[in-house]
Protein backbone atom coordinates (compact mmCIF):
# COMPACT_ATOMS: atom_id res chain seq x y z
CA MET A 1 -44.91 -7.21 115.54
CA SER A 2 -48.82 -8.67 115.60
CA ILE A 3 -49.93 -12.03 115.64
CA GLU A 4 -52.37 -10.67 112.50
CA ASN A 5 -48.88 -10.00 110.71
CA LEU A 6 -47.09 -13.03 112.00
CA HIS A 7 -49.72 -15.24 110.46
CA ALA A 8 -49.92 -13.19 106.95
CA VAL A 9 -48.31 -14.04 103.91
CA PRO A 10 -48.70 -12.03 100.43
CA ASN A 11 -50.98 -12.53 98.04
CA LEU A 12 -50.74 -13.86 94.71
CA THR A 13 -52.51 -11.54 92.76
CA THR A 14 -52.16 -12.37 89.06
CA VAL A 15 -54.32 -15.18 86.60
CA LEU A 16 -51.01 -16.32 85.90
CA THR A 17 -50.87 -18.44 88.37
CA GLY A 18 -51.41 -22.13 86.55
CA PRO A 19 -47.91 -22.58 85.33
CA LEU A 20 -46.31 -21.76 88.43
CA ARG A 21 -49.07 -24.15 90.30
CA LYS A 22 -47.82 -26.94 87.85
CA ILE A 23 -44.09 -25.87 88.89
CA GLU A 24 -44.81 -26.20 92.46
CA GLN A 25 -46.85 -29.66 91.88
CA THR A 26 -44.32 -31.10 89.82
CA LEU A 27 -41.24 -30.43 93.16
CA LEU A 28 -44.02 -31.77 95.51
CA ASP A 29 -44.56 -34.82 93.15
CA GLN A 30 -40.94 -35.20 92.59
CA GLN A 31 -39.01 -34.38 95.98
CA SER A 32 -37.54 -37.49 96.97
CA SER A 33 -35.84 -37.21 94.11
CA ILE A 34 -35.02 -34.15 93.62
CA GLU A 35 -33.73 -34.20 97.45
CA THR A 36 -31.14 -37.32 96.70
CA TRP A 37 -30.31 -34.92 93.71
CA PHE A 38 -29.17 -32.14 96.22
CA ARG A 39 -27.46 -34.74 98.50
CA LYS A 40 -25.30 -35.94 95.87
CA GLN A 41 -24.36 -32.25 94.18
CA TRP A 42 -23.55 -30.95 97.79
CA ARG A 43 -21.14 -34.24 97.88
CA LYS A 44 -19.40 -33.09 94.43
CA THR A 45 -19.73 -29.44 95.97
CA PRO A 46 -19.71 -28.36 98.90
CA ALA A 47 -22.33 -25.18 99.61
CA PRO A 48 -20.84 -22.12 100.99
CA PHE A 49 -20.66 -21.60 104.31
CA TYR A 50 -24.19 -19.24 104.21
CA ALA A 51 -25.43 -17.11 101.13
CA SER A 52 -29.27 -15.48 101.01
CA VAL A 53 -31.37 -15.34 97.74
CA ASP A 54 -33.86 -12.81 96.46
CA LEU A 55 -36.37 -14.36 94.05
CA ARG A 56 -39.22 -13.06 92.03
CA ASN A 57 -42.82 -15.17 91.66
CA ALA A 58 -44.39 -13.88 88.62
CA GLY A 59 -47.11 -16.65 88.90
CA PHE A 60 -45.31 -18.10 85.67
CA LYS A 61 -41.95 -17.94 86.17
CA LEU A 62 -40.25 -18.40 89.87
CA ALA A 63 -36.66 -17.41 89.61
CA PRO A 64 -33.56 -16.17 91.73
CA VAL A 65 -32.75 -12.28 90.72
CA ASP A 66 -29.19 -12.21 93.24
CA THR A 67 -27.16 -13.95 95.37
CA ASN A 68 -25.42 -13.05 98.57
CA LEU A 69 -22.33 -14.87 99.80
CA PHE A 70 -21.78 -12.27 102.78
CA PRO A 71 -25.62 -12.63 103.63
CA ALA A 72 -27.08 -9.51 106.55
CA GLY A 73 -30.53 -9.50 107.80
CA PHE A 74 -30.12 -11.60 110.18
CA ASN A 75 -32.37 -9.95 112.42
CA ASN A 76 -35.27 -10.17 110.00
CA LEU A 77 -35.69 -13.91 110.33
CA ASN A 78 -38.56 -15.77 112.08
CA VAL A 79 -37.18 -16.45 115.50
CA ALA A 80 -38.86 -20.29 115.58
CA PHE A 81 -35.90 -20.84 113.40
CA MET A 82 -33.09 -20.53 115.41
CA PRO A 83 -33.03 -24.06 116.20
CA LEU A 84 -32.40 -24.87 112.64
CA CYS A 85 -29.61 -21.96 112.18
CA ILE A 86 -27.94 -23.24 115.13
CA GLN A 87 -27.86 -27.25 113.94
CA ALA A 88 -26.80 -25.88 110.54
CA THR A 89 -24.01 -23.91 111.34
CA GLN A 90 -22.69 -26.85 113.66
CA SER A 91 -22.66 -28.58 110.73
CA ALA A 92 -20.57 -26.43 108.53
CA LEU A 93 -17.99 -25.51 110.55
CA GLU A 94 -17.88 -29.26 111.70
CA HIS A 95 -16.87 -29.61 107.74
CA ILE A 96 -15.17 -26.64 107.48
CA CYS A 97 -12.84 -26.20 110.53
CA PRO A 98 -13.18 -29.11 112.80
CA ASP A 99 -10.64 -27.96 115.17
CA ALA A 100 -12.87 -24.89 115.17
CA ASN A 101 -13.95 -23.69 118.98
CA GLN A 102 -13.82 -19.72 118.45
CA VAL A 103 -14.73 -17.76 115.69
CA LEU A 104 -13.87 -13.64 114.69
CA ILE A 105 -16.23 -12.32 112.74
CA ILE A 106 -15.58 -9.55 109.98
CA PRO A 107 -17.95 -6.97 109.64
CA GLU A 108 -18.80 -4.55 106.71
CA ASN A 109 -17.69 -0.80 107.80
CA HIS A 110 -20.58 0.65 108.42
CA THR A 111 -20.49 3.13 111.26
CA ARG A 112 -24.27 4.18 112.03
CA ASN A 113 -26.31 1.46 110.34
CA THR A 114 -28.10 0.06 113.12
CA ALA A 115 -30.23 -2.27 110.94
CA TYR A 116 -26.53 -4.13 110.07
CA PHE A 117 -25.45 -4.06 113.37
CA GLU A 118 -28.87 -5.86 114.22
CA SER A 119 -28.31 -8.69 111.91
CA LEU A 120 -24.46 -8.67 112.88
CA ALA A 121 -25.96 -9.77 116.98
CA MET A 122 -27.92 -12.03 115.34
CA LEU A 123 -25.41 -13.53 113.35
CA GLN A 124 -22.89 -13.59 116.76
CA GLU A 125 -25.84 -15.02 118.76
CA ILE A 126 -26.38 -17.66 116.59
CA LEU A 127 -22.82 -18.56 116.49
CA ILE A 128 -22.50 -18.62 120.01
CA LYS A 129 -25.66 -20.93 120.38
CA ALA A 130 -23.90 -23.07 118.52
CA GLY A 131 -21.06 -23.05 120.65
CA TYR A 132 -18.32 -21.05 119.50
CA ALA A 133 -16.90 -18.15 121.25
CA THR A 134 -17.15 -15.12 119.12
CA LYS A 135 -16.04 -11.72 118.64
CA ILE A 136 -16.41 -8.92 116.17
CA GLY A 137 -12.87 -7.75 114.75
CA SER A 138 -13.26 -4.08 112.15
CA ILE A 139 -11.20 -4.00 109.38
CA ASN A 140 -12.27 -0.10 109.06
CA PRO A 141 -8.59 2.13 109.24
CA GLU A 142 -10.73 4.39 111.46
CA PHE A 143 -11.82 2.28 113.97
CA LYS A 144 -9.44 2.82 116.76
CA THR A 145 -10.96 1.58 119.79
CA THR A 146 -13.41 -0.54 121.33
CA GLN A 147 -17.19 0.15 121.38
CA THR A 148 -19.87 -1.21 122.84
CA ILE A 149 -23.26 -0.37 120.81
CA GLU A 150 -27.07 -0.63 122.50
CA LEU A 151 -29.74 -1.66 119.84
CA GLU A 152 -33.64 -1.06 119.88
CA SER A 153 -33.51 -5.29 120.26
CA GLY A 154 -32.12 -4.91 123.58
CA ARG A 155 -29.06 -6.51 122.58
CA SER A 156 -25.84 -4.99 122.85
CA LEU A 157 -22.81 -5.15 120.01
CA THR A 158 -18.84 -5.18 121.39
CA LEU A 159 -16.88 -4.07 118.33
CA GLN A 160 -13.49 -4.23 118.57
CA PRO A 161 -10.43 -3.18 116.24
CA ILE A 162 -8.85 -5.56 114.47
CA ILE A 163 -5.18 -6.94 115.32
CA ARG A 164 -2.29 -8.85 113.27
CA ASP A 165 0.16 -10.58 115.21
CA GLY A 166 2.59 -12.34 112.98
CA ASP A 167 0.70 -14.49 110.54
CA ARG A 168 -2.88 -14.65 112.57
CA VAL A 169 -5.55 -12.09 113.22
CA GLY A 170 -7.59 -11.42 115.84
CA VAL A 171 -8.83 -8.76 118.61
CA GLU A 172 -7.07 -8.08 122.19
CA GLY A 173 -6.49 -11.42 123.52
CA PHE A 174 -8.67 -13.39 121.22
CA TYR A 175 -6.98 -15.24 118.17
CA PRO A 176 -9.21 -18.10 116.87
CA CYS A 177 -8.77 -20.30 114.19
CA ALA A 178 -11.70 -19.66 112.04
CA VAL A 179 -12.19 -15.98 110.65
CA LEU A 180 -15.73 -15.33 108.97
CA LEU A 181 -16.23 -12.36 106.77
CA ASN A 182 -19.40 -10.59 106.62
CA ASN A 183 -18.30 -8.12 104.11
CA ASP A 184 -17.98 -8.43 100.75
CA LEU A 185 -14.78 -6.77 100.13
CA SER A 186 -15.92 -4.37 97.67
CA ALA A 187 -13.04 -2.40 97.61
CA GLY A 188 -10.46 -5.05 97.08
CA GLU A 189 -8.49 -7.52 99.67
CA PRO A 190 -7.53 -6.03 103.17
CA ASP A 191 -3.55 -6.29 103.42
CA ILE A 192 -4.32 -7.18 107.15
CA LEU A 193 -5.80 -10.18 105.75
CA LYS A 194 -3.83 -11.51 103.36
CA GLY A 195 -1.52 -14.95 103.68
CA ILE A 196 -2.83 -15.12 107.53
CA GLU A 197 -2.89 -19.23 108.63
CA GLN A 198 -6.59 -18.97 109.83
CA ILE A 199 -8.80 -20.17 107.22
CA ILE A 200 -11.07 -17.45 106.29
CA ILE A 201 -14.79 -17.95 105.45
CA PRO A 202 -16.18 -17.88 102.55
CA PRO A 203 -11.93 -17.40 100.92
CA MET A 204 -11.48 -14.10 100.47
CA ARG A 205 -11.65 -14.54 96.70
CA SER A 206 -15.83 -14.62 97.27
CA GLY A 207 -15.64 -10.71 97.58
CA TRP A 208 -16.82 -8.53 94.66
CA ALA A 209 -13.04 -7.48 93.87
CA HIS A 210 -12.69 -10.92 92.38
CA ARG A 211 -16.19 -12.31 91.31
CA LEU A 212 -18.64 -10.84 88.58
CA LYS A 213 -22.76 -11.05 88.62
CA SER A 214 -22.61 -12.68 85.06
CA GLY A 215 -20.26 -15.29 86.42
CA HIS A 216 -22.92 -16.59 89.15
CA PHE A 217 -25.25 -16.35 86.39
CA SER A 218 -23.71 -18.67 84.23
CA HIS A 219 -23.47 -21.35 86.79
CA TYR A 220 -26.67 -20.84 87.82
CA GLN A 221 -28.02 -21.09 83.96
CA ASN A 222 -26.23 -24.70 83.51
CA VAL A 223 -27.91 -25.75 87.35
CA ALA A 224 -31.16 -24.64 85.36
CA GLU A 225 -30.61 -26.95 82.84
CA GLU A 226 -29.27 -29.56 84.58
CA PHE A 227 -32.14 -29.74 87.24
CA ALA A 228 -35.17 -28.73 84.53
CA ALA A 229 -33.38 -31.77 82.74
CA GLN A 230 -33.89 -33.97 85.95
CA ILE A 231 -37.70 -33.46 86.69
CA GLY A 232 -39.04 -32.40 83.17
CA ILE A 233 -39.75 -28.53 83.21
CA ASP A 234 -38.83 -26.13 80.63
CA PRO A 235 -35.38 -24.27 81.78
CA TRP A 236 -36.98 -20.87 81.26
CA LEU A 237 -39.51 -21.07 83.86
CA ILE A 238 -37.03 -20.67 86.56
CA ASN A 239 -33.73 -19.24 85.13
CA PRO A 240 -33.40 -15.46 84.30
CA LEU A 241 -32.00 -14.56 80.79
CA PHE A 242 -29.04 -12.65 80.75
CA THR A 243 -26.10 -11.09 78.81
CA THR A 244 -23.14 -8.33 79.78
CA CYS A 245 -21.80 -5.32 78.33
CA GLY A 246 -18.19 -4.42 79.75
CA GLU A 247 -15.89 -1.03 79.31
CA VAL A 248 -19.25 1.19 80.13
CA ASN A 249 -18.81 4.82 81.54
CA PHE A 250 -22.60 6.31 82.19
CA MET A 251 -21.15 9.25 82.62
CA LYS A 252 -18.93 9.63 79.66
CA ARG A 253 -21.70 7.44 77.56
CA ALA A 254 -19.78 5.39 76.77
CA GLY A 255 -21.17 1.84 76.03
CA GLU A 256 -24.44 3.01 75.46
CA ASP A 257 -24.70 1.49 72.00
CA CYS A 258 -23.37 -2.35 73.52
CA ILE A 259 -26.55 -2.06 76.62
CA ALA A 260 -29.06 -0.54 73.65
CA HIS A 261 -27.84 -3.69 71.27
CA ASN A 262 -28.52 -6.10 73.92
CA VAL A 263 -31.60 -4.89 75.68
CA GLY A 264 -32.84 -5.18 72.39
CA ASN A 265 -32.29 -8.77 71.65
CA LEU A 266 -32.47 -9.70 75.12
CA LEU A 267 -36.12 -8.21 75.10
CA GLU A 268 -36.71 -9.72 71.67
CA ALA A 269 -35.73 -13.40 73.42
CA ILE A 270 -37.79 -12.48 76.47
CA GLN A 271 -41.00 -12.14 74.02
CA LYS A 272 -40.52 -15.51 72.08
CA LYS A 273 -40.91 -16.72 75.34
CA TYR A 274 -43.76 -14.64 76.62
CA ASP A 275 -45.79 -15.96 73.19
CA GLU A 276 -44.72 -19.17 74.20
CA TYR A 277 -47.03 -19.20 77.32
CA GLY A 278 -49.50 -16.88 76.19
CA ILE A 279 -47.92 -13.93 78.59
CA THR A 280 -49.54 -10.83 77.57
CA GLU A 281 -47.59 -8.55 80.03
CA PRO A 282 -44.48 -6.59 78.46
CA PRO A 283 -41.20 -7.86 78.94
CA PHE A 284 -38.34 -5.64 80.99
CA ILE A 285 -34.93 -5.57 81.54
CA ILE A 286 -32.90 -5.11 84.73
CA VAL A 287 -30.11 -3.27 83.90
CA LYS A 288 -27.20 -3.20 86.97
CA ALA A 289 -23.61 -3.39 87.96
CA ASP A 290 -22.11 -6.63 87.42
CA ALA A 291 -19.92 -6.34 91.28
CA GLY A 292 -21.13 -4.91 93.93
CA THR A 293 -24.51 -5.51 96.41
CA TYR A 294 -27.09 -3.52 98.65
CA GLY A 295 -29.32 -2.66 95.73
CA MET A 296 -26.95 -0.09 94.29
CA GLY A 297 -26.20 0.59 90.31
CA VAL A 298 -29.59 -0.95 89.33
CA MET A 299 -32.51 0.15 86.86
CA THR A 300 -35.46 -0.87 84.91
CA ILE A 301 -35.15 -0.74 81.43
CA ASN A 302 -38.47 -1.31 79.00
CA SER A 303 -37.17 -0.48 75.48
CA VAL A 304 -34.19 0.60 73.32
CA GLU A 305 -35.27 3.62 73.57
CA GLU A 306 -35.07 3.91 76.55
CA ALA A 307 -31.52 2.35 77.12
CA ARG A 308 -30.42 5.03 74.14
CA GLU A 309 -32.17 8.23 76.65
CA LEU A 310 -30.89 7.72 79.68
CA ASN A 311 -30.82 10.98 81.69
CA ARG A 312 -28.13 12.78 83.93
CA LYS A 313 -29.82 11.40 87.28
CA GLN A 314 -30.23 7.68 85.90
CA ARG A 315 -26.37 7.66 84.80
CA THR A 316 -24.96 9.22 87.82
CA LYS A 317 -27.28 6.52 89.69
CA MET A 318 -25.74 4.10 87.92
CA SER A 319 -21.93 5.40 87.81
CA LYS A 320 -21.04 4.03 91.47
CA ILE A 321 -22.07 1.22 93.43
CA LYS A 322 -20.96 0.97 97.24
CA GLY A 323 -17.88 2.72 98.50
CA GLY A 324 -17.56 4.65 95.41
CA GLN A 325 -16.37 1.93 93.40
CA ALA A 326 -16.76 2.82 89.51
CA VAL A 327 -19.16 0.70 87.68
CA SER A 328 -17.61 -0.18 84.21
CA GLN A 329 -19.45 -3.80 83.77
CA VAL A 330 -23.25 -4.27 83.89
CA ILE A 331 -25.34 -7.18 83.78
CA LEU A 332 -28.38 -7.29 81.62
CA GLN A 333 -30.90 -9.44 83.35
CA GLU A 334 -34.41 -10.30 82.14
CA GLY A 335 -36.77 -8.92 84.80
CA VAL A 336 -39.04 -10.98 86.59
CA TYR A 337 -42.32 -9.82 87.57
CA THR A 338 -43.30 -9.64 91.05
CA PHE A 339 -46.89 -10.02 91.28
CA GLU A 340 -46.62 -11.22 95.38
CA ASN A 341 -48.85 -8.14 97.71
CA TRP A 342 -48.22 -7.60 100.72
CA GLY A 343 -51.09 -6.07 103.40
CA SER A 344 -53.77 -3.73 102.92
CA GLU A 345 -51.53 -1.49 100.78
CA GLN A 346 -51.04 -4.05 98.57
CA ALA A 347 -46.98 -3.52 98.60
CA VAL A 348 -44.96 -5.72 96.03
CA ALA A 349 -43.17 -8.24 98.04
CA GLU A 350 -40.58 -10.33 97.28
CA PRO A 351 -38.76 -13.61 99.23
CA VAL A 352 -35.77 -13.90 100.57
CA VAL A 353 -34.71 -16.84 101.32
CA TYR A 354 -31.64 -17.91 103.83
CA MET A 355 -29.19 -20.42 103.92
CA LEU A 356 -26.04 -22.09 105.98
CA ASP A 357 -24.17 -24.53 104.66
CA HIS A 358 -26.88 -26.47 102.35
CA PHE A 359 -29.64 -25.95 104.73
CA VAL A 360 -32.49 -23.76 104.50
CA VAL A 361 -33.04 -21.99 107.48
CA GLY A 362 -35.66 -19.27 106.64
CA GLY A 363 -36.24 -16.12 105.28
CA PHE A 364 -38.75 -12.68 104.99
CA TYR A 365 -40.67 -11.01 102.29
CA ARG A 366 -38.49 -7.66 101.48
CA VAL A 367 -41.57 -5.02 100.60
CA HIS A 368 -41.91 -1.85 99.58
CA THR A 369 -44.70 0.50 99.61
CA GLY A 370 -43.79 2.82 96.51
CA ARG A 371 -42.00 0.48 94.44
CA GLY A 372 -43.96 -1.27 91.42
CA ARG A 373 -43.66 -5.10 90.32
CA THR A 374 -41.19 -4.46 88.10
CA GLU A 375 -38.73 -2.31 90.05
CA ASN A 376 -35.66 -3.62 92.53
CA LEU A 377 -37.05 -3.61 95.67
CA ASN A 378 -33.67 -3.31 97.60
CA ALA A 379 -33.84 0.18 98.20
CA PRO A 380 -34.61 2.87 100.76
CA GLY A 381 -38.18 2.54 102.04
CA MET A 382 -37.76 -1.30 102.30
CA HIS A 383 -39.29 -3.19 105.68
CA PHE A 384 -39.01 -6.52 106.28
CA GLU A 385 -41.38 -9.19 107.32
CA PRO A 386 -40.48 -12.58 108.45
CA LEU A 387 -41.22 -16.03 106.99
CA SER A 388 -44.14 -17.00 108.90
CA PHE A 389 -44.11 -20.78 108.02
CA ALA A 390 -44.05 -23.16 111.29
CA GLU A 391 -42.73 -25.78 109.83
CA PRO A 392 -38.89 -25.75 108.18
CA CYS A 393 -38.50 -24.71 104.53
CA ASN A 394 -37.89 -28.84 103.41
CA ALA A 395 -41.79 -29.67 104.96
CA PRO A 396 -44.06 -29.97 102.32
CA ASP A 397 -47.48 -30.93 103.20
CA GLU A 398 -48.32 -33.13 99.88
CA LYS A 399 -52.03 -33.47 101.63
CA MET A 400 -52.27 -29.48 100.53
CA PRO A 401 -52.74 -27.63 97.41
CA PRO A 402 -49.09 -27.11 95.52
CA ASP A 403 -49.32 -23.06 96.59
CA ALA A 404 -50.36 -23.60 99.98
CA ARG A 405 -48.03 -22.05 102.14
CA PRO A 406 -45.28 -24.79 103.55
CA ASN A 407 -45.62 -26.06 99.62
CA ARG A 408 -45.00 -22.84 98.09
CA PHE A 409 -42.09 -21.99 100.85
CA TYR A 410 -40.55 -25.64 99.63
CA ALA A 411 -40.47 -24.22 96.17
CA TYR A 412 -39.01 -21.15 97.09
CA GLY A 413 -36.41 -23.47 98.73
CA VAL A 414 -35.70 -25.34 95.92
CA ILE A 415 -34.75 -22.50 93.67
CA ALA A 416 -32.97 -20.78 96.70
CA ARG A 417 -31.25 -23.84 96.68
CA LEU A 418 -30.75 -24.34 93.17
CA ALA A 419 -28.87 -20.72 93.12
CA LEU A 420 -26.72 -22.22 96.42
CA LEU A 421 -25.36 -24.66 94.17
CA ALA A 422 -24.25 -22.15 91.06
CA ALA A 423 -22.29 -20.31 94.06
CA ALA A 424 -21.06 -23.56 95.19
CA ARG A 425 -19.80 -24.39 92.18
CA GLU A 426 -18.43 -20.61 90.96
CA LEU A 427 -16.36 -20.71 94.39
CA ASP A 428 -14.87 -24.23 93.23
CA GLU A 429 -13.83 -22.61 89.82
CA LEU A 430 -12.20 -19.76 91.57
CA LYS A 431 -9.90 -22.34 93.95
CA ARG A 432 -9.03 -24.29 90.98
CA ASP A 433 -8.18 -20.88 89.11
CA ASP A 434 -6.24 -19.96 92.35
CA ASN A 435 -3.90 -23.50 92.31
């Protein structure tokens, strides 16, 4: 990456920056009380081991649109943040598994995704530098022999088939006390991991076989309302409205009436808020599978008529997600514009913030030259630009304007941590249900 690009930052190209500057200024003015509030929340509900949060910045609204508890993309982080990653990893594991000195990573079942392998190699490097012997054991049933993969970055990655020995899993000669999932378990809990005595981080109940995005955003709505009351802002400015439809089958056109009806209601609710804030842009809806990741099963809807007239290509796209899992429930989420543009091509961009434990450890911009400001950017053709701030994400500069780079990134970190808190409460609820 050129020095020029390393110090670049997307331009917020909208006249609607006034409301955002007010939010950012409020966050800066109340930084001390905000950090105190977060500390109290983490004492009540500890953060997940790691997560990434996709944000959208519309100038008048800054909100999370997705939270991933099994993040990939560690290779896209600014290398300047490595010391912070190491410290956060040590803090997290000391709390979760104080006796751990070895970690087994369970990766996704990808066999040819070199970008994912780069992320996996970086995650392993973070753990090793944090002082934990770390190996990678695949649960892919087709994976039978050890493979070493040479990566473009110059790193090498060794993948080994996972072995179960009694109530423990590992790879040959390596049975650690901590197992780190980097697999979202969309296909369900694998039998080889059931009933083991080792601690699994995060718990298998965190996988998409058990969780719904609507459940996460219900918790986020509560968090946003509590936080907004704490600092005196309208929670809508940081919270996307949403509703759900269950029992849908896109190929059989089942559930279309539910989707169309809820699209109409949601568009009306968004328009009322737009009118309140003098926003002239048209509202839109993002419809996506209520479970799953990798940007699959996502589409933009602009009207009730559009919801009723999905063509076969759209219905086919929405019918299945990762691993061929059928979509039977969807979340309809308020679309949040992204008015951030990157580079001479003015490609649309959105920030993605990464956290280890409750610490923000960096992030990147997801950039797409072929997508518009209302579309999902997590799609083929995207690329990543590391966040260029030299300062940690929790170090705003009160002497600079609210939209200066360290201050805007502080705002990103606050909103991302609100989503992390929602995830923490979500996992705590699942744990209590199990008990």
